[in-house]
N, C-alpha and C. Protein backbone atom coordinates (compact mmCIF):
# COMPACT_ATOMS: atom_id res chain seq x y z
N MET A 1 24.94 -7.62 8.24
CA MET A 1 23.89 -7.53 7.25
C MET A 1 22.55 -7.99 7.83
N THR A 2 22.56 -9.08 8.58
CA THR A 2 21.30 -9.57 9.14
C THR A 2 20.77 -8.63 10.22
N ASP A 3 21.67 -7.88 10.87
CA ASP A 3 21.21 -6.92 11.87
C ASP A 3 20.35 -5.84 11.22
N LYS A 4 20.74 -5.40 10.03
CA LYS A 4 19.98 -4.38 9.33
C LYS A 4 18.62 -4.93 8.92
N LEU A 5 18.57 -6.16 8.51
CA LEU A 5 17.31 -6.77 8.12
C LEU A 5 16.40 -6.97 9.33
N ASP A 6 16.99 -7.31 10.48
CA ASP A 6 16.20 -7.45 11.69
C ASP A 6 15.56 -6.12 12.10
N ILE A 7 16.30 -5.05 11.94
CA ILE A 7 15.76 -3.73 12.28
C ILE A 7 14.59 -3.40 11.37
N LEU A 8 14.72 -3.70 10.10
CA LEU A 8 13.63 -3.43 9.17
C LEU A 8 12.40 -4.27 9.50
N SER A 9 12.60 -5.52 9.81
CA SER A 9 11.44 -6.38 10.11
C SER A 9 10.79 -5.98 11.43
N GLN A 10 11.57 -5.50 12.38
CA GLN A 10 11.00 -5.05 13.64
C GLN A 10 10.20 -3.76 13.47
N ASN A 11 10.61 -2.90 12.55
CA ASN A 11 9.96 -1.62 12.36
C ASN A 11 8.89 -1.64 11.28
N ALA A 12 8.68 -2.75 10.61
CA ALA A 12 7.69 -2.82 9.53
C ALA A 12 6.28 -2.46 9.99
N PRO A 13 5.79 -2.99 11.12
CA PRO A 13 4.44 -2.60 11.55
C PRO A 13 4.33 -1.10 11.84
N PHE A 14 5.38 -0.53 12.41
CA PHE A 14 5.35 0.92 12.68
C PHE A 14 5.26 1.71 11.38
N LEU A 15 6.07 1.34 10.39
CA LEU A 15 6.06 2.05 9.12
C LEU A 15 4.72 1.89 8.41
N MET A 16 4.18 0.68 8.42
CA MET A 16 2.90 0.43 7.76
C MET A 16 1.76 1.22 8.41
N ASP A 17 1.76 1.26 9.73
CA ASP A 17 0.68 1.95 10.44
C ASP A 17 0.83 3.47 10.40
N SER A 18 2.03 3.96 10.57
CA SER A 18 2.20 5.41 10.65
C SER A 18 2.01 6.09 9.30
N PHE A 19 2.38 5.45 8.23
CA PHE A 19 2.22 6.05 6.91
C PHE A 19 1.02 5.47 6.15
N ASN A 20 0.27 4.58 6.79
CA ASN A 20 -0.91 3.95 6.20
C ASN A 20 -0.59 3.31 4.85
N LEU A 21 0.49 2.55 4.82
CA LEU A 21 0.94 1.93 3.58
C LEU A 21 0.37 0.53 3.35
N GLY A 22 -0.30 -0.02 4.32
CA GLY A 22 -0.82 -1.37 4.19
C GLY A 22 -1.63 -1.61 2.94
N PRO A 23 -2.71 -0.85 2.72
CA PRO A 23 -3.53 -1.09 1.53
C PRO A 23 -2.87 -0.64 0.23
N MET A 24 -1.88 0.22 0.32
CA MET A 24 -1.27 0.78 -0.89
C MET A 24 -0.15 -0.09 -1.46
N ILE A 25 0.31 -1.08 -0.71
CA ILE A 25 1.42 -1.90 -1.18
C ILE A 25 1.04 -2.61 -2.49
N GLY A 26 -0.16 -3.11 -2.58
CA GLY A 26 -0.61 -3.78 -3.79
C GLY A 26 -0.65 -2.84 -4.98
N VAL A 27 -1.08 -1.60 -4.74
CA VAL A 27 -1.12 -0.60 -5.82
C VAL A 27 0.30 -0.27 -6.28
N PHE A 28 1.21 -0.10 -5.33
CA PHE A 28 2.60 0.19 -5.70
C PHE A 28 3.22 -0.97 -6.48
N MET A 29 2.93 -2.18 -6.07
CA MET A 29 3.47 -3.34 -6.77
C MET A 29 2.91 -3.43 -8.19
N ALA A 30 1.62 -3.19 -8.35
CA ALA A 30 1.01 -3.23 -9.67
C ALA A 30 1.60 -2.14 -10.57
N LEU A 31 1.75 -0.93 -10.04
CA LEU A 31 2.36 0.15 -10.82
C LEU A 31 3.80 -0.16 -11.21
N SER A 32 4.53 -0.80 -10.31
CA SER A 32 5.91 -1.16 -10.61
C SER A 32 5.97 -2.19 -11.73
N LEU A 33 5.08 -3.16 -11.70
CA LEU A 33 5.07 -4.18 -12.76
C LEU A 33 4.67 -3.60 -14.11
N VAL A 34 3.66 -2.73 -14.11
CA VAL A 34 3.24 -2.08 -15.36
C VAL A 34 4.36 -1.20 -15.90
N ASP A 35 5.01 -0.46 -15.02
CA ASP A 35 6.11 0.40 -15.44
C ASP A 35 7.25 -0.42 -16.04
N ALA A 36 7.60 -1.52 -15.41
CA ALA A 36 8.68 -2.37 -15.92
C ALA A 36 8.31 -2.97 -17.28
N ALA A 37 7.06 -3.40 -17.43
CA ALA A 37 6.64 -3.98 -18.70
C ALA A 37 6.65 -2.93 -19.82
N LEU A 38 6.10 -1.75 -19.55
CA LEU A 38 6.08 -0.70 -20.57
C LEU A 38 7.49 -0.23 -20.92
N LYS A 39 8.34 -0.12 -19.92
CA LYS A 39 9.70 0.32 -20.16
C LYS A 39 10.47 -0.71 -20.99
N GLY A 40 10.29 -1.98 -20.67
CA GLY A 40 10.95 -3.02 -21.45
C GLY A 40 10.48 -3.04 -22.89
N TRP A 41 9.18 -2.92 -23.09
CA TRP A 41 8.61 -2.92 -24.45
C TRP A 41 9.10 -1.71 -25.24
N ALA A 42 9.10 -0.54 -24.60
CA ALA A 42 9.55 0.67 -25.28
C ALA A 42 11.04 0.61 -25.60
N LEU A 43 11.85 0.09 -24.69
CA LEU A 43 13.28 -0.05 -24.96
C LEU A 43 13.52 -1.04 -26.10
N TRP A 44 12.77 -2.12 -26.12
CA TRP A 44 12.91 -3.10 -27.19
C TRP A 44 12.55 -2.48 -28.53
N ARG A 45 11.44 -1.74 -28.56
CA ARG A 45 11.01 -1.13 -29.83
C ARG A 45 12.00 -0.06 -30.28
N ALA A 46 12.50 0.76 -29.35
CA ALA A 46 13.46 1.80 -29.71
C ALA A 46 14.74 1.17 -30.27
N ALA A 47 15.17 0.07 -29.69
CA ALA A 47 16.37 -0.61 -30.19
C ALA A 47 16.11 -1.21 -31.57
N ARG A 48 14.96 -1.84 -31.76
CA ARG A 48 14.63 -2.43 -33.06
C ARG A 48 14.54 -1.39 -34.17
N MET A 49 14.03 -0.20 -33.81
CA MET A 49 13.86 0.86 -34.80
C MET A 49 15.12 1.72 -34.95
N GLY A 50 16.14 1.48 -34.14
CA GLY A 50 17.38 2.23 -34.22
C GLY A 50 17.26 3.67 -33.74
N LYS A 51 16.37 3.91 -32.80
CA LYS A 51 16.15 5.26 -32.28
C LYS A 51 16.96 5.46 -31.00
N ILE A 52 18.25 5.73 -31.18
CA ILE A 52 19.14 5.88 -30.03
C ILE A 52 18.78 7.12 -29.20
N TYR A 53 18.24 8.15 -29.86
CA TYR A 53 17.88 9.37 -29.13
C TYR A 53 16.63 9.16 -28.27
N TRP A 54 15.86 8.15 -28.52
CA TRP A 54 14.74 7.79 -27.65
C TRP A 54 15.20 6.75 -26.62
N TYR A 55 16.11 5.87 -27.02
CA TYR A 55 16.53 4.77 -26.16
C TYR A 55 17.16 5.28 -24.86
N ILE A 56 18.05 6.24 -24.97
CA ILE A 56 18.76 6.72 -23.79
C ILE A 56 17.81 7.39 -22.78
N PRO A 57 16.92 8.31 -23.20
CA PRO A 57 15.99 8.87 -22.21
C PRO A 57 15.02 7.82 -21.63
N LEU A 58 14.60 6.87 -22.46
CA LEU A 58 13.73 5.81 -21.94
C LEU A 58 14.44 4.99 -20.87
N LEU A 59 15.73 4.81 -21.05
CA LEU A 59 16.51 4.04 -20.08
C LEU A 59 16.72 4.81 -18.78
N LEU A 60 16.89 6.13 -18.87
CA LEU A 60 17.27 6.92 -17.71
C LEU A 60 16.10 7.56 -16.95
N VAL A 61 14.99 7.83 -17.62
CA VAL A 61 13.88 8.56 -16.99
C VAL A 61 12.87 7.58 -16.40
N ASN A 62 12.57 7.75 -15.13
CA ASN A 62 11.53 6.96 -14.47
C ASN A 62 10.28 7.82 -14.37
N SER A 63 9.20 7.38 -15.05
CA SER A 63 8.00 8.22 -15.11
C SER A 63 6.73 7.41 -14.88
N ILE A 64 6.82 6.30 -14.17
CA ILE A 64 5.67 5.44 -13.86
C ILE A 64 4.95 5.01 -15.14
N GLY A 65 5.70 4.78 -16.19
CA GLY A 65 5.12 4.25 -17.41
C GLY A 65 4.55 5.29 -18.36
N ILE A 66 4.57 6.56 -17.99
CA ILE A 66 3.98 7.59 -18.85
C ILE A 66 4.85 7.83 -20.08
N PHE A 67 6.14 8.03 -19.89
CA PHE A 67 7.05 8.29 -21.00
C PHE A 67 7.14 7.10 -21.97
N PRO A 68 7.28 5.87 -21.47
CA PRO A 68 7.26 4.74 -22.42
C PRO A 68 5.94 4.60 -23.16
N ALA A 69 4.83 4.87 -22.49
CA ALA A 69 3.52 4.77 -23.16
C ALA A 69 3.41 5.81 -24.27
N ILE A 70 3.90 7.02 -24.02
CA ILE A 70 3.88 8.06 -25.05
C ILE A 70 4.73 7.63 -26.24
N PHE A 71 5.91 7.10 -25.97
CA PHE A 71 6.78 6.64 -27.06
C PHE A 71 6.12 5.53 -27.86
N LEU A 72 5.52 4.56 -27.17
CA LEU A 72 4.87 3.45 -27.87
C LEU A 72 3.71 3.93 -28.73
N LEU A 73 2.94 4.87 -28.23
CA LEU A 73 1.82 5.40 -29.01
C LEU A 73 2.30 6.23 -30.20
N MET A 74 3.37 7.00 -30.01
CA MET A 74 3.89 7.84 -31.09
C MET A 74 4.51 7.02 -32.21
N THR A 75 5.12 5.91 -31.89
CA THR A 75 5.84 5.13 -32.91
C THR A 75 5.04 3.93 -33.40
N ASN A 76 3.79 3.80 -33.00
CA ASN A 76 3.00 2.63 -33.36
C ASN A 76 2.83 2.49 -34.87
N SER A 77 2.40 3.55 -35.55
CA SER A 77 2.17 3.46 -36.99
C SER A 77 3.48 3.28 -37.75
N GLU A 78 4.55 3.97 -37.31
CA GLU A 78 5.85 3.82 -37.97
C GLU A 78 6.38 2.40 -37.80
N TYR A 79 6.19 1.81 -36.63
CA TYR A 79 6.66 0.45 -36.39
C TYR A 79 5.89 -0.55 -37.24
N LYS A 80 4.58 -0.35 -37.36
CA LYS A 80 3.77 -1.26 -38.17
C LYS A 80 4.19 -1.18 -39.64
N LYS A 81 4.44 0.02 -40.15
CA LYS A 81 4.89 0.17 -41.54
C LYS A 81 6.24 -0.51 -41.74
N LYS A 82 7.15 -0.30 -40.80
CA LYS A 82 8.49 -0.88 -40.89
C LYS A 82 8.41 -2.40 -40.80
N LYS A 83 7.51 -2.89 -39.96
CA LYS A 83 7.36 -4.33 -39.78
C LYS A 83 6.81 -4.99 -41.04
N VAL A 84 5.84 -4.36 -41.68
CA VAL A 84 5.24 -4.91 -42.90
C VAL A 84 6.24 -4.87 -44.05
N VAL A 85 6.96 -3.77 -44.19
CA VAL A 85 7.91 -3.63 -45.29
C VAL A 85 9.10 -4.55 -45.08
N GLY A 86 9.58 -4.66 -43.85
CA GLY A 86 10.79 -5.42 -43.58
C GLY A 86 10.55 -6.85 -43.13
N THR A 87 9.47 -7.49 -43.52
CA THR A 87 9.21 -8.85 -43.04
C THR A 87 10.19 -9.85 -43.60
N THR A 88 10.72 -9.61 -44.78
CA THR A 88 11.65 -10.58 -45.38
C THR A 88 13.09 -10.37 -44.94
N SER A 89 13.41 -9.20 -44.42
CA SER A 89 14.79 -8.92 -44.02
C SER A 89 15.07 -9.47 -42.63
N VAL A 90 16.31 -9.87 -42.41
CA VAL A 90 16.75 -10.37 -41.11
C VAL A 90 17.65 -9.31 -40.50
N LEU A 91 17.34 -8.92 -39.25
CA LEU A 91 18.14 -7.90 -38.59
C LEU A 91 19.28 -8.50 -37.86
């Protein structure tokens, strides 16, 4: 296992220079964090609203946060109405 890691660490400068990934690592990390946050929020909202037909595609499709953002925007008004009406109920 450590041999494989040594090979990766030895080749890291080559990969960074040949594909010019040095400056883009920060952008990729930021996109990954935003995608994870949006996906988690969308999955949580789909589960709370009982939308199993949205939950499964949200779980399986990787779209850099576009699909979860669309779901969150589409269900925003419905979630607010449900939240206001159901404030006294315990799920």
